[in-house]
């Protein structure tokens, strides 16, 4: 893997070529305006894209832990098979962004615009979505264990293959949400709303229903009703004879 200087990188970006198999270190893209950035199979160390603006940002098969991408604003952004643990997307405009098969553990999306975004096959352990915009954001086959998603509204959304183990879901609104192959083991669902939610294909064995604010008209199967009833009886101290 070849090292690249800041001047070389700037020239390559202006020429709109694909940047492939480089070691990019200690380079700041702050306030950089671009047309198209396509970076593939690179390692980025101590770099930041803070406040970058442009048309298309595409990164594939890159190692870029703890990269800063605060307040970036692009028309189209996509990350494929990237290691991005500890990255910071604070305040970024990631409207309709795509994250495919990425490691986003402990990444901060605080106050980011993720509306219409797609997370697929991503590892999001400990990710922070504090005050982010998540309307119509899709999560398919993602691990959201220990993530912070509290106070968010996911109305009319769909979660497929999502693990919410120990996630902070305090006061989340899951009204009319469809859950398929989802797990809630030890998730904090204090005052969460599951009204009219479809839970028939979810694993409810770890869902603390007594902490929820509303499950009105939520759809469950008969065996799930038995599980939840048993849980509630134990919570209130009943002893079934």
Protein backbone atom coordinates (compact mmCIF):
# COMPACT_ATOMS: atom_id res chain seq x y z
CA UNK A 1 0.00 0.00 0.00
CA UNK A 2 1.49 3.32 -1.11
CA UNK A 3 1.53 6.53 0.93
CA UNK A 4 -0.06 9.60 -0.58
CA UNK A 5 0.53 13.27 0.24
CA UNK A 6 -2.14 15.90 0.72
CA UNK A 7 -1.18 17.66 -2.53
CA UNK A 8 -1.28 14.42 -4.52
CA UNK A 9 -4.67 13.57 -3.07
CA UNK A 10 -6.08 17.01 -3.85
CA UNK A 11 -4.96 16.68 -7.48
CA UNK A 12 -6.49 13.21 -7.78
CA UNK A 13 -9.78 14.40 -6.33
CA UNK A 14 -9.93 17.30 -8.78
CA UNK A 15 -9.38 14.85 -11.64
CA UNK A 16 -12.27 12.74 -10.27
CA UNK A 17 -10.34 9.48 -10.51
CA UNK A 18 -10.85 6.45 -8.27
CA UNK A 19 -8.34 6.46 -5.40
CA UNK A 20 -7.39 2.84 -4.78
CA UNK A 21 -5.00 1.00 -2.45
CA UNK A 22 -3.39 4.00 -0.75
CA UNK A 23 -2.37 4.73 2.82
CA UNK A 24 -3.88 8.13 3.63
CA UNK A 25 -2.54 9.60 6.85
CA UNK A 26 -2.95 12.87 8.76
CA UNK A 27 -4.84 14.62 5.98
CA UNK A 28 -7.65 17.10 6.53
CA UNK A 29 -10.40 17.48 3.92
CA UNK A 30 -12.10 20.11 6.09
CA UNK A 31 -14.38 22.46 4.11
CA UNK A 32 -13.34 20.72 0.88
CA UNK A 33 -15.79 21.10 -2.01
CA UNK A 34 -15.87 18.19 -4.42
CA UNK A 35 -17.80 16.79 -7.37
CA UNK A 36 -17.20 13.07 -6.88
CA UNK A 37 -15.01 11.18 -4.41
CA UNK A 38 -14.46 7.45 -4.97
CA UNK A 39 -12.04 5.84 -2.49
CA UNK A 40 -11.50 2.08 -2.55
CA UNK A 41 -9.33 -0.37 -0.56
CA UNK A 42 -7.55 2.42 1.30
CA UNK A 43 -6.51 2.87 4.90
CA UNK A 44 -7.32 6.26 6.38
CA UNK A 45 -5.54 7.21 9.61
CA UNK A 46 -6.14 10.43 11.53
CA UNK A 47 -8.13 12.01 8.70
CA UNK A 48 -11.17 14.23 8.70
CA UNK A 49 -13.84 15.15 6.17
CA UNK A 50 -15.46 17.71 8.46
CA UNK A 51 -17.79 20.14 6.68
CA UNK A 52 -17.06 18.70 3.22
CA UNK A 53 -19.66 19.49 0.59
CA UNK A 54 -20.27 17.93 -2.77
CA UNK A 55 -22.12 15.59 -5.05
CA UNK A 56 -21.06 11.97 -4.52
CA UNK A 57 -18.99 10.33 -1.78
CA UNK A 58 -18.32 6.60 -2.25
CA UNK A 59 -16.00 4.56 -0.05
CA UNK A 60 -15.53 0.81 -0.50
CA UNK A 61 -13.49 -1.75 1.46
CA UNK A 62 -11.69 0.94 3.45
CA UNK A 63 -10.18 0.81 6.94
CA UNK A 64 -11.03 4.17 8.49
CA UNK A 65 -11.57 3.90 12.25
CA UNK A 66 -12.16 7.14 14.18
CA UNK A 67 -12.38 9.19 11.00
CA UNK A 68 -14.22 12.49 11.47
CA UNK A 69 -17.05 13.27 9.05
CA UNK A 70 -18.85 15.93 11.06
CA UNK A 71 -21.31 18.17 9.23
CA UNK A 72 -20.59 16.69 5.79
CA UNK A 73 -23.23 17.58 3.23
CA UNK A 74 -23.44 15.48 0.07
CA UNK A 75 -26.13 14.71 -2.46
CA UNK A 76 -25.20 11.01 -2.43
CA UNK A 77 -23.10 9.06 0.07
CA UNK A 78 -22.41 5.32 0.21
CA UNK A 79 -20.12 3.15 2.34
CA UNK A 80 -19.55 -0.50 1.38
CA UNK A 81 -17.69 -3.05 3.50
CA UNK A 82 -15.82 -0.40 5.49
CA UNK A 83 -14.40 -0.60 9.01
CA UNK A 84 -15.54 2.66 10.59
CA UNK A 85 -15.61 2.00 14.32
CA UNK A 86 -15.51 5.17 16.38
CA UNK A 87 -16.22 7.49 13.43
CA UNK A 88 -17.99 10.78 14.07
CA UNK A 89 -20.89 11.84 11.84
CA UNK A 90 -22.14 14.53 14.22
CA UNK A 91 -24.48 16.94 12.45
CA UNK A 92 -23.85 15.33 9.04
CA UNK A 93 -26.44 15.43 6.27
CA UNK A 94 -26.72 11.72 5.44
CA UNK A 95 -30.15 11.88 3.83
CA UNK A 96 -30.71 8.61 1.92
CA UNK A 97 -27.15 7.47 2.72
CA UNK A 98 -26.33 3.77 2.25
CA UNK A 99 -24.24 1.72 4.66
CA UNK A 100 -23.63 -1.83 3.48
CA UNK A 101 -21.74 -4.46 5.54
CA UNK A 102 -19.90 -1.83 7.60
CA UNK A 103 -18.52 -1.98 11.13
CA UNK A 104 -19.94 1.18 12.73
CA UNK A 105 -19.41 0.18 16.36
CA UNK A 106 -19.25 3.13 18.78
CA UNK A 107 -19.89 5.56 15.93
CA UNK A 108 -21.58 8.86 16.72
CA UNK A 109 -24.53 9.99 14.59
CA UNK A 110 -25.51 12.72 17.08
CA UNK A 111 -27.79 15.29 15.39
CA UNK A 112 -27.15 13.75 11.95
CA UNK A 113 -29.84 13.66 9.30
CA UNK A 114 -30.32 9.94 8.55
CA UNK A 115 -33.81 10.24 7.08
CA UNK A 116 -34.35 7.77 4.26
CA UNK A 117 -31.01 6.12 4.99
CA UNK A 118 -30.33 2.38 4.68
CA UNK A 119 -28.22 0.29 7.06
CA UNK A 120 -27.82 -3.27 5.83
CA UNK A 121 -25.74 -6.04 7.44
CA UNK A 122 -24.02 -3.49 9.66
CA UNK A 123 -22.45 -3.79 13.10
CA UNK A 124 -23.65 -0.83 15.19
CA UNK A 125 -22.68 -1.90 18.70
CA UNK A 126 -22.75 1.11 21.02
CA UNK A 127 -23.63 3.54 18.20
CA UNK A 128 -25.07 6.85 19.38
CA UNK A 129 -28.12 8.17 17.49
CA UNK A 130 -28.78 10.99 19.97
CA UNK A 131 -31.07 13.66 18.47
CA UNK A 132 -30.54 12.24 14.96
CA UNK A 133 -33.30 12.42 12.35
CA UNK A 134 -34.36 8.85 11.56
CA UNK A 135 -37.65 9.14 9.69
CA UNK A 136 -37.96 6.30 7.15
CA UNK A 137 -34.50 5.02 8.05
CA UNK A 138 -34.15 1.30 7.28
CA UNK A 139 -32.24 -1.24 9.38
CA UNK A 140 -31.90 -4.72 7.87
CA UNK A 141 -29.86 -7.47 9.55
CA UNK A 142 -28.01 -5.07 11.84
CA UNK A 143 -26.60 -5.49 15.33
CA UNK A 144 -27.75 -2.50 17.39
CA UNK A 145 -26.71 -3.95 20.74
CA UNK A 146 -25.99 -1.29 23.38
CA UNK A 147 -26.83 1.49 20.93
CA UNK A 148 -28.48 4.72 22.03
CA UNK A 149 -31.74 5.27 20.14
CA UNK A 150 -33.85 6.77 22.91
CA UNK A 151 -36.57 9.37 22.29
CA UNK A 152 -36.79 8.56 18.55
CA UNK A 153 -39.91 8.02 16.49
CA UNK A 154 -39.80 5.07 14.08
CA UNK A 155 -43.49 5.18 13.15
CA UNK A 156 -44.48 3.10 10.13
CA UNK A 157 -40.95 1.71 9.78
CA UNK A 158 -39.76 -1.86 9.33
CA UNK A 159 -36.95 -3.64 11.17
CA UNK A 160 -35.67 -6.94 9.78
CA UNK A 161 -33.13 -9.14 11.56
CA UNK A 162 -32.19 -6.48 14.12
CA UNK A 163 -30.63 -7.27 17.50
CA UNK A 164 -31.59 -4.65 20.12
CA UNK A 165 -29.75 -6.41 22.95
CA UNK A 166 -29.21 -3.91 25.81
CA UNK A 167 -30.09 -1.01 23.49
CA UNK A 168 -31.46 2.25 24.92
CA UNK A 169 -34.99 2.48 23.50
CA UNK A 170 -36.40 4.77 26.19
CA UNK A 171 -39.57 6.57 25.00
CA UNK A 172 -39.14 5.34 21.41
CA UNK A 173 -42.29 5.38 19.31
CA UNK A 174 -42.69 2.13 17.35
CA UNK A 175 -46.31 2.74 16.35
CA UNK A 176 -47.28 0.70 13.26
CA UNK A 177 -43.75 -0.73 13.02
CA UNK A 178 -43.18 -4.23 11.62
CA UNK A 179 -40.53 -6.31 13.41
CA UNK A 180 -39.21 -9.41 11.66
CA UNK A 181 -36.63 -11.66 13.33
CA UNK A 182 -35.81 -9.00 15.93
CA UNK A 183 -34.61 -9.51 19.51
CA UNK A 184 -34.96 -7.23 22.55
CA UNK A 185 -32.93 -9.01 25.25
CA UNK A 186 -32.36 -6.61 28.17
CA UNK A 187 -33.24 -3.59 26.02
CA UNK A 188 -34.34 -0.54 27.99
CA UNK A 189 -37.88 0.03 26.68
CA UNK A 190 -39.06 2.35 29.46
CA UNK A 191 -42.15 4.23 28.23
CA UNK A 192 -41.64 2.91 24.68
CA UNK A 193 -44.74 2.72 22.49
CA UNK A 194 -45.53 -0.39 20.42
CA UNK A 195 -49.11 0.52 19.54
CA UNK A 196 -50.36 -1.32 16.43
CA UNK A 197 -46.91 -2.83 15.96
CA UNK A 198 -46.56 -6.22 14.27
CA UNK A 199 -44.52 -8.38 16.65
CA UNK A 200 -45.63 -11.74 15.33
CA UNK A 201 -42.20 -12.55 13.87
CA UNK A 202 -40.13 -11.06 16.71
CA UNK A 203 -38.49 -12.82 19.64
CA UNK A 204 -40.30 -11.34 22.64
CA UNK A 205 -38.69 -13.55 25.28
CA UNK A 206 -36.39 -10.71 26.36
CA UNK A 207 -38.85 -7.81 25.95
CA UNK A 208 -39.71 -6.13 29.26
CA UNK A 209 -43.35 -5.42 28.45
CA UNK A 210 -44.07 -4.08 31.94
CA UNK A 211 -41.80 -1.11 31.19
CA UNK A 212 -43.57 -0.19 27.93
CA UNK A 213 -45.97 2.73 27.83
CA UNK A 214 -48.34 1.17 25.30
CA UNK A 215 -48.83 -2.11 23.48
CA UNK A 216 -52.38 -1.27 22.42
CA UNK A 217 -53.50 -3.31 19.40
CA UNK A 218 -50.01 -4.75 18.93
CA UNK A 219 -50.19 -8.02 17.02
CA UNK A 220 -48.70 -11.13 18.62
CA UNK A 221 -49.17 -14.89 18.28
CA UNK A 222 -50.78 -17.15 20.89
CA UNK A 223 -47.51 -18.65 22.11
CA UNK A 224 -46.07 -15.13 22.48
CA UNK A 225 -49.11 -14.19 24.58
CA UNK A 226 -48.32 -17.06 26.93
CA UNK A 227 -44.70 -15.89 27.24
CA UNK A 228 -45.72 -12.30 27.97
CA UNK A 229 -48.41 -13.32 30.42
CA UNK A 230 -45.92 -15.47 32.32
CA UNK A 231 -43.51 -12.53 32.42
CA UNK A 232 -46.17 -10.13 33.70
CA UNK A 233 -47.36 -12.55 36.38
CA UNK A 234 -43.80 -12.90 37.64
CA UNK A 235 -43.31 -9.12 37.54
CA UNK A 236 -46.34 -8.51 39.75
CA UNK A 237 -45.41 -11.33 42.12
CA UNK A 238 -48.15 -13.79 41.23
CA UNK A 239 -47.54 -17.46 41.91
CA UNK A 240 -49.46 -19.68 39.55
CA UNK A 241 -50.65 -22.91 41.26
